[in-house]
Amino acid sequence: MKKGILFILALGCFYCNAQEDTTQYKLGNKKLMLITNSDADSDSEWDNFDLSDTTESVSKQFVESVGLMQIGANGYLSENNTLALPDNMSLLELDMAKSRSFSMMTSWYFGRMDASTFYISPGLGFTWNSYKFKNNINISTNNDTLSYFLDTVVNYRKYKLRATYIEVPLVVGIRLGSKTQKRVESENGNIQVRVKREQKPFNLQVGVVAGYNIGSIVKAKFERDGTRYKDRISDDYNLNPFRLAATARIGVGDFGFFANYSLTPLFEPNKSPELIPFSVGVQFNGF
C-alpha cells in the first residue's frame, strides 16, 4: 500500500512545473528519478515521460538512412529550352497530364541528421519515366536512328514510351528545426528519459542525380475489328544510356516538392531529336 501511494505521487509530478532539477523516489530496491527542469535545458520543454521509453538506448549511429518517394509529371524541352517544339518535332508533343514520373530511393545522412544544419546526402534508387504522346504516332529505331510518323492505320487508345533508370543522387542540404528527440541517460543503474518536441523541420536541398537506363519499352493499346489489343515492345529507342540531372527539393517535415532538370538529352546525340527532359512533383520521405 505504501509503495502504491509513492508511485501515484511520482506520476503526479510529471504534470507539475517544479523548479527542482531532480526528484527521487525509492520503490523497494529501485530508484525513480524525475527530471522536471534543468539549467542545460531551460530553453526547451521536456514532457511526456513514458516508462516504455526506458528500454531505448542512445543512438550513436554515424550513418542514418531515410526512404524517399517522388511522384510527378514528365516533360521535355526543345534544344532552345522551350516547351514549344519546332515543326519538325511537333508529332512528339506530350500529353503532360498522363506523362508521369515515379521514384523510390534511399538516402543516407552522415552523422545525426536531426542535429545538423548543413549536411551531404548520397542515395540510391530507381526511377520510372513515362512519356505519353498527344498525337497518334508510332516510333521505332531504323538504321540506328529514331523514326516516328503519324499512324493512319491503327488508332491507338494509349501509346507511351517508358524508361527505367537506376539512380545515384547526391545532394547538399540545409535543415532548420528538428524532429522529436529522446535522450536516455543512465547513471549508477538509474534510468532518466527526456522527450523534447519541436516544430517540423524545414529542408532545402540542391544537387545532382546520375542515372543509367536499365530498360525501355513502348506500351500500346488499340482496337481492331472490335478486338482490343495490348502491345509491349522492348527496345533501346536510342535513349541516352547515361543521364545527369540537376535537382532541387524543398519541404517541411516529411512532405515536399522536387524539380529535376536533365543536363543530358533524352536521346543519343546525332541519332534522334535533341530533347531535354525535366520532371516536377511531390515527395514523401521518412519511411
Protein backbone atom coordinates (compact mmCIF):
# COMPACT_ATOMS: atom_id res chain seq x y z
CA MET A 1 0.00 0.00 0.00
CA LYS A 2 2.86 2.33 0.89
CA LYS A 3 4.59 1.63 -2.43
CA GLY A 4 1.37 2.29 -4.34
CA ILE A 5 0.95 5.74 -2.72
CA LEU A 6 4.54 6.64 -3.54
CA PHE A 7 4.10 5.56 -7.17
CA ILE A 8 0.92 7.69 -7.53
CA LEU A 9 2.76 10.67 -6.11
CA ALA A 10 5.60 10.06 -8.56
CA LEU A 11 3.26 10.03 -11.55
CA GLY A 12 1.61 13.25 -10.41
CA CYS A 13 4.94 15.05 -10.56
CA PHE A 14 5.05 14.68 -14.33
CA TYR A 15 2.39 17.39 -14.65
CA CYS A 16 3.80 19.91 -12.25
CA ASN A 17 6.23 22.71 -13.05
CA ALA A 18 8.55 22.34 -10.09
CA GLN A 19 11.84 24.20 -10.37
CA GLU A 20 13.98 21.48 -8.75
CA ASP A 21 16.33 19.69 -11.12
CA THR A 22 15.64 16.15 -9.88
CA THR A 23 13.02 14.44 -7.74
CA GLN A 24 13.83 10.94 -6.47
CA TYR A 25 11.56 8.20 -5.13
CA LYS A 26 12.71 4.87 -3.76
CA LEU A 27 10.40 1.95 -4.54
CA GLY A 28 11.79 -1.12 -2.83
CA ASN A 29 15.26 -1.67 -4.28
CA LYS A 30 14.53 0.60 -7.31
CA LYS A 31 15.08 4.33 -7.61
CA LEU A 32 12.90 6.50 -9.88
CA MET A 33 14.36 9.86 -10.94
CA LEU A 34 12.08 12.56 -12.45
CA ILE A 35 13.68 15.40 -14.42
CA THR A 36 11.34 18.40 -14.42
CA ASN A 37 13.75 21.14 -15.47
CA SER A 38 17.46 21.87 -15.61
CA ASP A 39 19.74 24.74 -16.41
CA ALA A 40 21.06 22.94 -19.51
CA ASP A 41 17.57 22.70 -20.98
CA SER A 42 15.98 25.90 -19.66
CA ASP A 43 15.01 26.95 -23.21
CA SER A 44 13.28 23.67 -24.07
CA GLU A 45 10.14 21.93 -22.90
CA TRP A 46 10.54 18.31 -21.86
CA ASP A 47 7.42 16.27 -21.26
CA ASN A 48 5.55 13.03 -21.91
CA PHE A 49 7.68 10.60 -19.95
CA ASP A 50 6.77 7.05 -20.89
CA LEU A 51 8.00 4.05 -18.91
CA SER A 52 8.29 2.08 -22.16
CA ASP A 53 10.93 4.57 -23.32
CA THR A 54 13.33 3.31 -20.68
CA THR A 55 14.10 0.34 -22.92
CA GLU A 56 15.58 2.64 -25.59
CA SER A 57 19.26 3.37 -25.86
CA VAL A 58 21.04 6.44 -27.10
CA SER A 59 21.59 6.34 -30.87
CA LYS A 60 25.26 6.59 -31.75
CA GLN A 61 24.94 5.71 -35.42
CA PHE A 62 27.28 7.56 -37.72
CA VAL A 63 25.11 6.91 -40.82
CA GLU A 64 21.30 7.13 -40.91
CA SER A 65 19.10 6.13 -43.85
CA VAL A 66 15.73 7.58 -44.90
CA GLY A 67 13.33 6.25 -47.55
CA LEU A 68 12.06 8.70 -50.13
CA MET A 69 9.30 8.53 -52.76
CA GLN A 70 8.69 11.04 -55.55
CA ILE A 71 5.61 11.29 -57.77
CA GLY A 72 5.45 13.82 -60.56
CA ALA A 73 4.91 14.79 -64.16
CA ASN A 74 7.39 14.34 -67.03
CA GLY A 75 8.10 16.64 -69.88
CA TYR A 76 10.87 17.73 -72.20
CA LEU A 77 12.11 20.94 -73.74
CA SER A 78 13.48 21.72 -77.15
CA GLU A 79 17.17 22.50 -77.57
CA ASN A 80 16.22 26.16 -77.06
CA ASN A 81 14.75 25.30 -73.63
CA THR A 82 11.15 26.00 -74.65
CA LEU A 83 8.09 23.79 -74.27
CA ALA A 84 7.05 24.55 -77.84
CA LEU A 85 8.65 22.01 -80.17
CA PRO A 86 9.84 23.01 -83.64
CA ASP A 87 7.70 22.00 -86.60
CA ASN A 88 9.86 19.00 -87.48
CA MET A 89 9.31 17.58 -83.96
CA SER A 90 5.68 18.60 -83.40
CA LEU A 91 4.50 14.98 -83.64
CA LEU A 92 6.41 14.27 -80.41
CA GLU A 93 4.25 16.64 -78.37
CA LEU A 94 3.38 15.12 -74.99
CA ASP A 95 0.18 14.76 -73.04
CA MET A 96 1.68 16.19 -69.84
CA ALA A 97 -1.26 15.13 -67.68
CA LYS A 98 -0.52 11.46 -68.49
CA SER A 99 3.27 11.61 -68.67
CA ARG A 100 4.37 10.61 -65.19
CA SER A 101 7.46 10.10 -63.08
CA PHE A 102 7.80 7.75 -60.12
CA SER A 103 10.90 7.28 -57.95
CA MET A 104 11.79 5.16 -54.95
CA MET A 105 15.14 5.64 -53.26
CA THR A 106 17.08 5.54 -50.02
CA SER A 107 19.16 8.48 -48.83
CA TRP A 108 21.99 8.32 -46.31
CA TYR A 109 22.91 11.06 -43.83
CA PHE A 110 26.35 11.17 -42.24
CA GLY A 111 26.13 11.96 -38.55
CA ARG A 112 22.85 12.62 -36.80
CA MET A 113 20.68 14.49 -39.29
CA ASP A 114 18.40 15.90 -36.57
CA ALA A 115 21.39 17.66 -35.05
CA SER A 116 22.84 19.01 -38.31
CA THR A 117 22.08 22.27 -40.06
CA PHE A 118 24.18 21.57 -43.15
CA TYR A 119 24.61 18.05 -44.48
CA ILE A 120 25.59 16.00 -47.53
CA SER A 121 23.36 13.09 -48.52
CA PRO A 122 24.08 10.43 -51.16
CA GLY A 123 21.46 7.89 -52.17
CA LEU A 124 20.45 5.00 -54.38
CA GLY A 125 17.15 4.23 -56.08
CA PHE A 126 15.04 3.63 -59.18
CA THR A 127 13.02 5.98 -61.37
CA TRP A 128 10.35 5.20 -63.94
CA ASN A 129 9.66 7.91 -66.54
CA SER A 130 6.73 7.55 -68.93
CA TYR A 131 6.08 9.81 -71.93
CA LYS A 132 2.52 9.76 -73.26
CA PHE A 133 2.29 11.20 -76.77
CA LYS A 134 -0.58 13.50 -77.65
CA ASN A 135 -0.60 12.53 -81.33
CA ASN A 136 -1.42 9.12 -82.79
CA ILE A 137 2.19 8.31 -83.64
CA ASN A 138 4.35 5.23 -83.94
CA ILE A 139 8.03 5.29 -83.01
CA SER A 140 10.77 2.81 -83.82
CA THR A 141 14.51 2.59 -84.46
CA ASN A 142 15.56 2.40 -88.08
CA ASN A 143 19.21 2.18 -89.16
CA ASP A 144 20.32 3.29 -85.72
CA THR A 145 18.08 6.37 -85.92
CA LEU A 146 14.83 7.04 -84.09
CA SER A 147 11.94 7.38 -86.53
CA TYR A 148 8.39 8.49 -85.80
CA PHE A 149 5.36 9.01 -88.00
CA LEU A 150 1.65 9.65 -87.76
CA ASP A 151 -0.09 6.25 -87.86
CA THR A 152 -3.11 6.36 -90.18
CA VAL A 153 -3.82 2.63 -89.97
CA VAL A 154 -4.10 1.99 -86.22
CA ASN A 155 -5.94 4.33 -83.87
CA TYR A 156 -4.19 4.00 -80.53
CA ARG A 157 -6.18 4.30 -77.33
CA LYS A 158 -2.87 4.60 -75.47
CA TYR A 159 0.71 4.92 -76.67
CA LYS A 160 3.61 5.81 -74.42
CA LEU A 161 7.33 5.32 -74.01
CA ARG A 162 8.59 4.23 -70.59
CA ALA A 163 12.21 4.26 -69.44
CA THR A 164 13.60 2.79 -66.21
CA TYR A 165 16.74 4.13 -64.54
CA ILE A 166 18.90 3.15 -61.61
CA GLU A 167 20.00 6.40 -60.00
CA VAL A 168 22.57 7.76 -57.57
CA PRO A 169 21.60 11.19 -56.18
CA LEU A 170 23.99 13.41 -54.25
CA VAL A 171 22.53 16.48 -52.54
CA VAL A 172 23.67 19.20 -50.17
CA GLY A 173 21.01 20.24 -47.68
CA ILE A 174 20.10 22.92 -45.16
CA ARG A 175 17.90 21.85 -42.26
CA LEU A 176 16.16 24.26 -39.88
CA GLY A 177 14.26 22.91 -36.88
CA SER A 178 14.39 19.37 -35.57
CA LYS A 179 12.18 16.37 -35.01
CA THR A 180 11.06 14.93 -31.69
CA GLN A 181 14.18 13.98 -29.76
CA LYS A 182 14.60 11.49 -26.96
CA ARG A 183 17.60 11.34 -24.68
CA VAL A 184 18.24 8.41 -22.43
CA GLU A 185 20.81 8.69 -19.68
CA SER A 186 21.98 6.03 -17.30
CA GLU A 187 23.95 6.69 -14.15
CA ASN A 188 24.61 4.16 -11.39
CA GLY A 189 21.87 1.90 -12.74
CA ASN A 190 19.22 4.65 -12.71
CA ILE A 191 17.45 5.49 -15.99
CA GLN A 192 16.44 9.01 -16.98
CA VAL A 193 14.39 9.76 -20.11
CA ARG A 194 13.82 13.19 -21.64
CA VAL A 195 11.44 13.88 -24.52
CA LYS A 196 11.61 17.18 -26.38
CA ARG A 197 9.11 18.26 -29.04
CA GLU A 198 9.93 20.95 -31.58
CA GLN A 199 8.45 22.21 -34.83
CA LYS A 200 8.68 20.16 -38.03
CA PRO A 201 11.99 20.71 -39.81
CA PHE A 202 12.34 22.79 -42.97
CA ASN A 203 14.61 21.28 -45.63
CA LEU A 204 16.20 22.80 -48.71
CA GLN A 205 18.33 20.54 -50.94
CA VAL A 206 20.21 21.00 -54.20
CA GLY A 207 22.40 18.52 -56.03
CA VAL A 208 22.79 16.18 -58.96
CA VAL A 209 21.32 12.80 -59.90
CA ALA A 210 23.30 10.37 -62.05
CA GLY A 211 21.30 7.64 -63.78
CA TYR A 212 21.73 4.63 -66.03
CA ASN A 213 18.95 3.32 -68.29
CA ILE A 214 18.27 -0.34 -67.48
CA GLY A 215 15.27 -0.82 -69.78
CA SER A 216 12.80 0.91 -72.07
CA ILE A 217 9.54 -0.20 -73.66
CA VAL A 218 6.64 1.17 -75.68
CA LYS A 219 3.20 0.28 -74.34
CA ALA A 220 0.37 0.49 -76.86
CA LYS A 221 -3.36 -0.16 -76.59
CA PHE A 222 -5.56 -0.21 -79.69
CA GLU A 223 -8.70 -1.74 -81.13
CA ARG A 224 -9.05 -3.58 -84.44
CA ASP A 225 -12.18 -5.26 -85.81
CA GLY A 226 -13.87 -4.98 -82.43
CA THR A 227 -11.00 -6.67 -80.59
CA ARG A 228 -8.76 -4.83 -78.14
CA TYR A 229 -5.01 -5.42 -78.20
CA LYS A 230 -2.09 -4.59 -75.93
CA ASP A 231 1.49 -4.42 -77.16
CA ARG A 232 4.71 -4.14 -75.16
CA ILE A 233 7.70 -3.60 -77.40
CA SER A 234 11.16 -3.55 -75.80
CA ASP A 235 13.92 -1.60 -77.50
CA ASP A 236 16.54 0.96 -76.60
CA TYR A 237 14.80 3.55 -78.84
CA ASN A 238 18.16 5.33 -79.00
CA LEU A 239 17.65 6.62 -75.48
CA ASN A 240 20.77 8.04 -73.92
CA PRO A 241 22.04 5.22 -71.65
CA PHE A 242 23.51 7.69 -69.15
CA ARG A 243 21.94 10.83 -67.80
CA LEU A 244 22.87 13.54 -65.36
CA ALA A 245 20.26 15.87 -63.90
CA ALA A 246 20.26 18.85 -61.55
CA THR A 247 17.77 18.51 -58.70
CA ALA A 248 16.20 20.88 -56.18
CA ARG A 249 13.96 19.90 -53.27
CA ILE A 250 12.09 21.87 -50.65
CA GLY A 251 9.89 20.55 -47.86
CA VAL A 252 8.57 20.75 -44.33
CA GLY A 253 8.66 17.59 -42.25
CA ASP A 254 8.16 14.53 -44.42
CA PHE A 255 6.38 16.32 -47.28
CA GLY A 256 7.84 18.47 -50.00
CA PHE A 257 8.31 19.27 -53.67
CA PHE A 258 11.04 18.45 -56.16
CA ALA A 259 12.20 19.55 -59.61
CA ASN A 260 14.71 17.77 -61.87
CA TYR A 261 16.29 19.26 -64.99
CA SER A 262 18.39 16.96 -67.16
CA LEU A 263 21.86 18.11 -68.16
CA THR A 264 21.96 15.46 -70.89
CA PRO A 265 19.47 14.92 -73.76
CA LEU A 266 16.80 12.22 -73.63
CA PHE A 267 18.02 10.54 -76.83
CA GLU A 268 21.54 9.87 -78.03
CA PRO A 269 23.07 12.82 -79.89
CA ASN A 270 23.11 12.72 -83.70
CA LYS A 271 20.70 9.77 -83.73
CA SER A 272 17.46 11.33 -82.56
CA PRO A 273 15.83 14.71 -81.84
CA GLU A 274 17.53 16.72 -79.13
CA LEU A 275 15.07 16.93 -76.26
CA ILE A 276 15.88 17.90 -72.67
CA PRO A 277 13.78 16.02 -70.05
CA PHE A 278 12.50 17.51 -66.81
CA SER A 279 10.17 16.39 -64.04
CA VAL A 280 8.35 18.16 -61.20
CA GLY A 281 6.17 16.83 -58.41
CA VAL A 282 5.78 15.99 -54.74
CA GLN A 283 7.88 13.85 -52.47
CA PHE A 284 7.35 11.91 -49.26
CA ASN A 285 10.20 10.83 -47.03
CA GLY A 286 10.90 9.48 -43.58
CA PHE A 287 9.97 5.81 -44.04
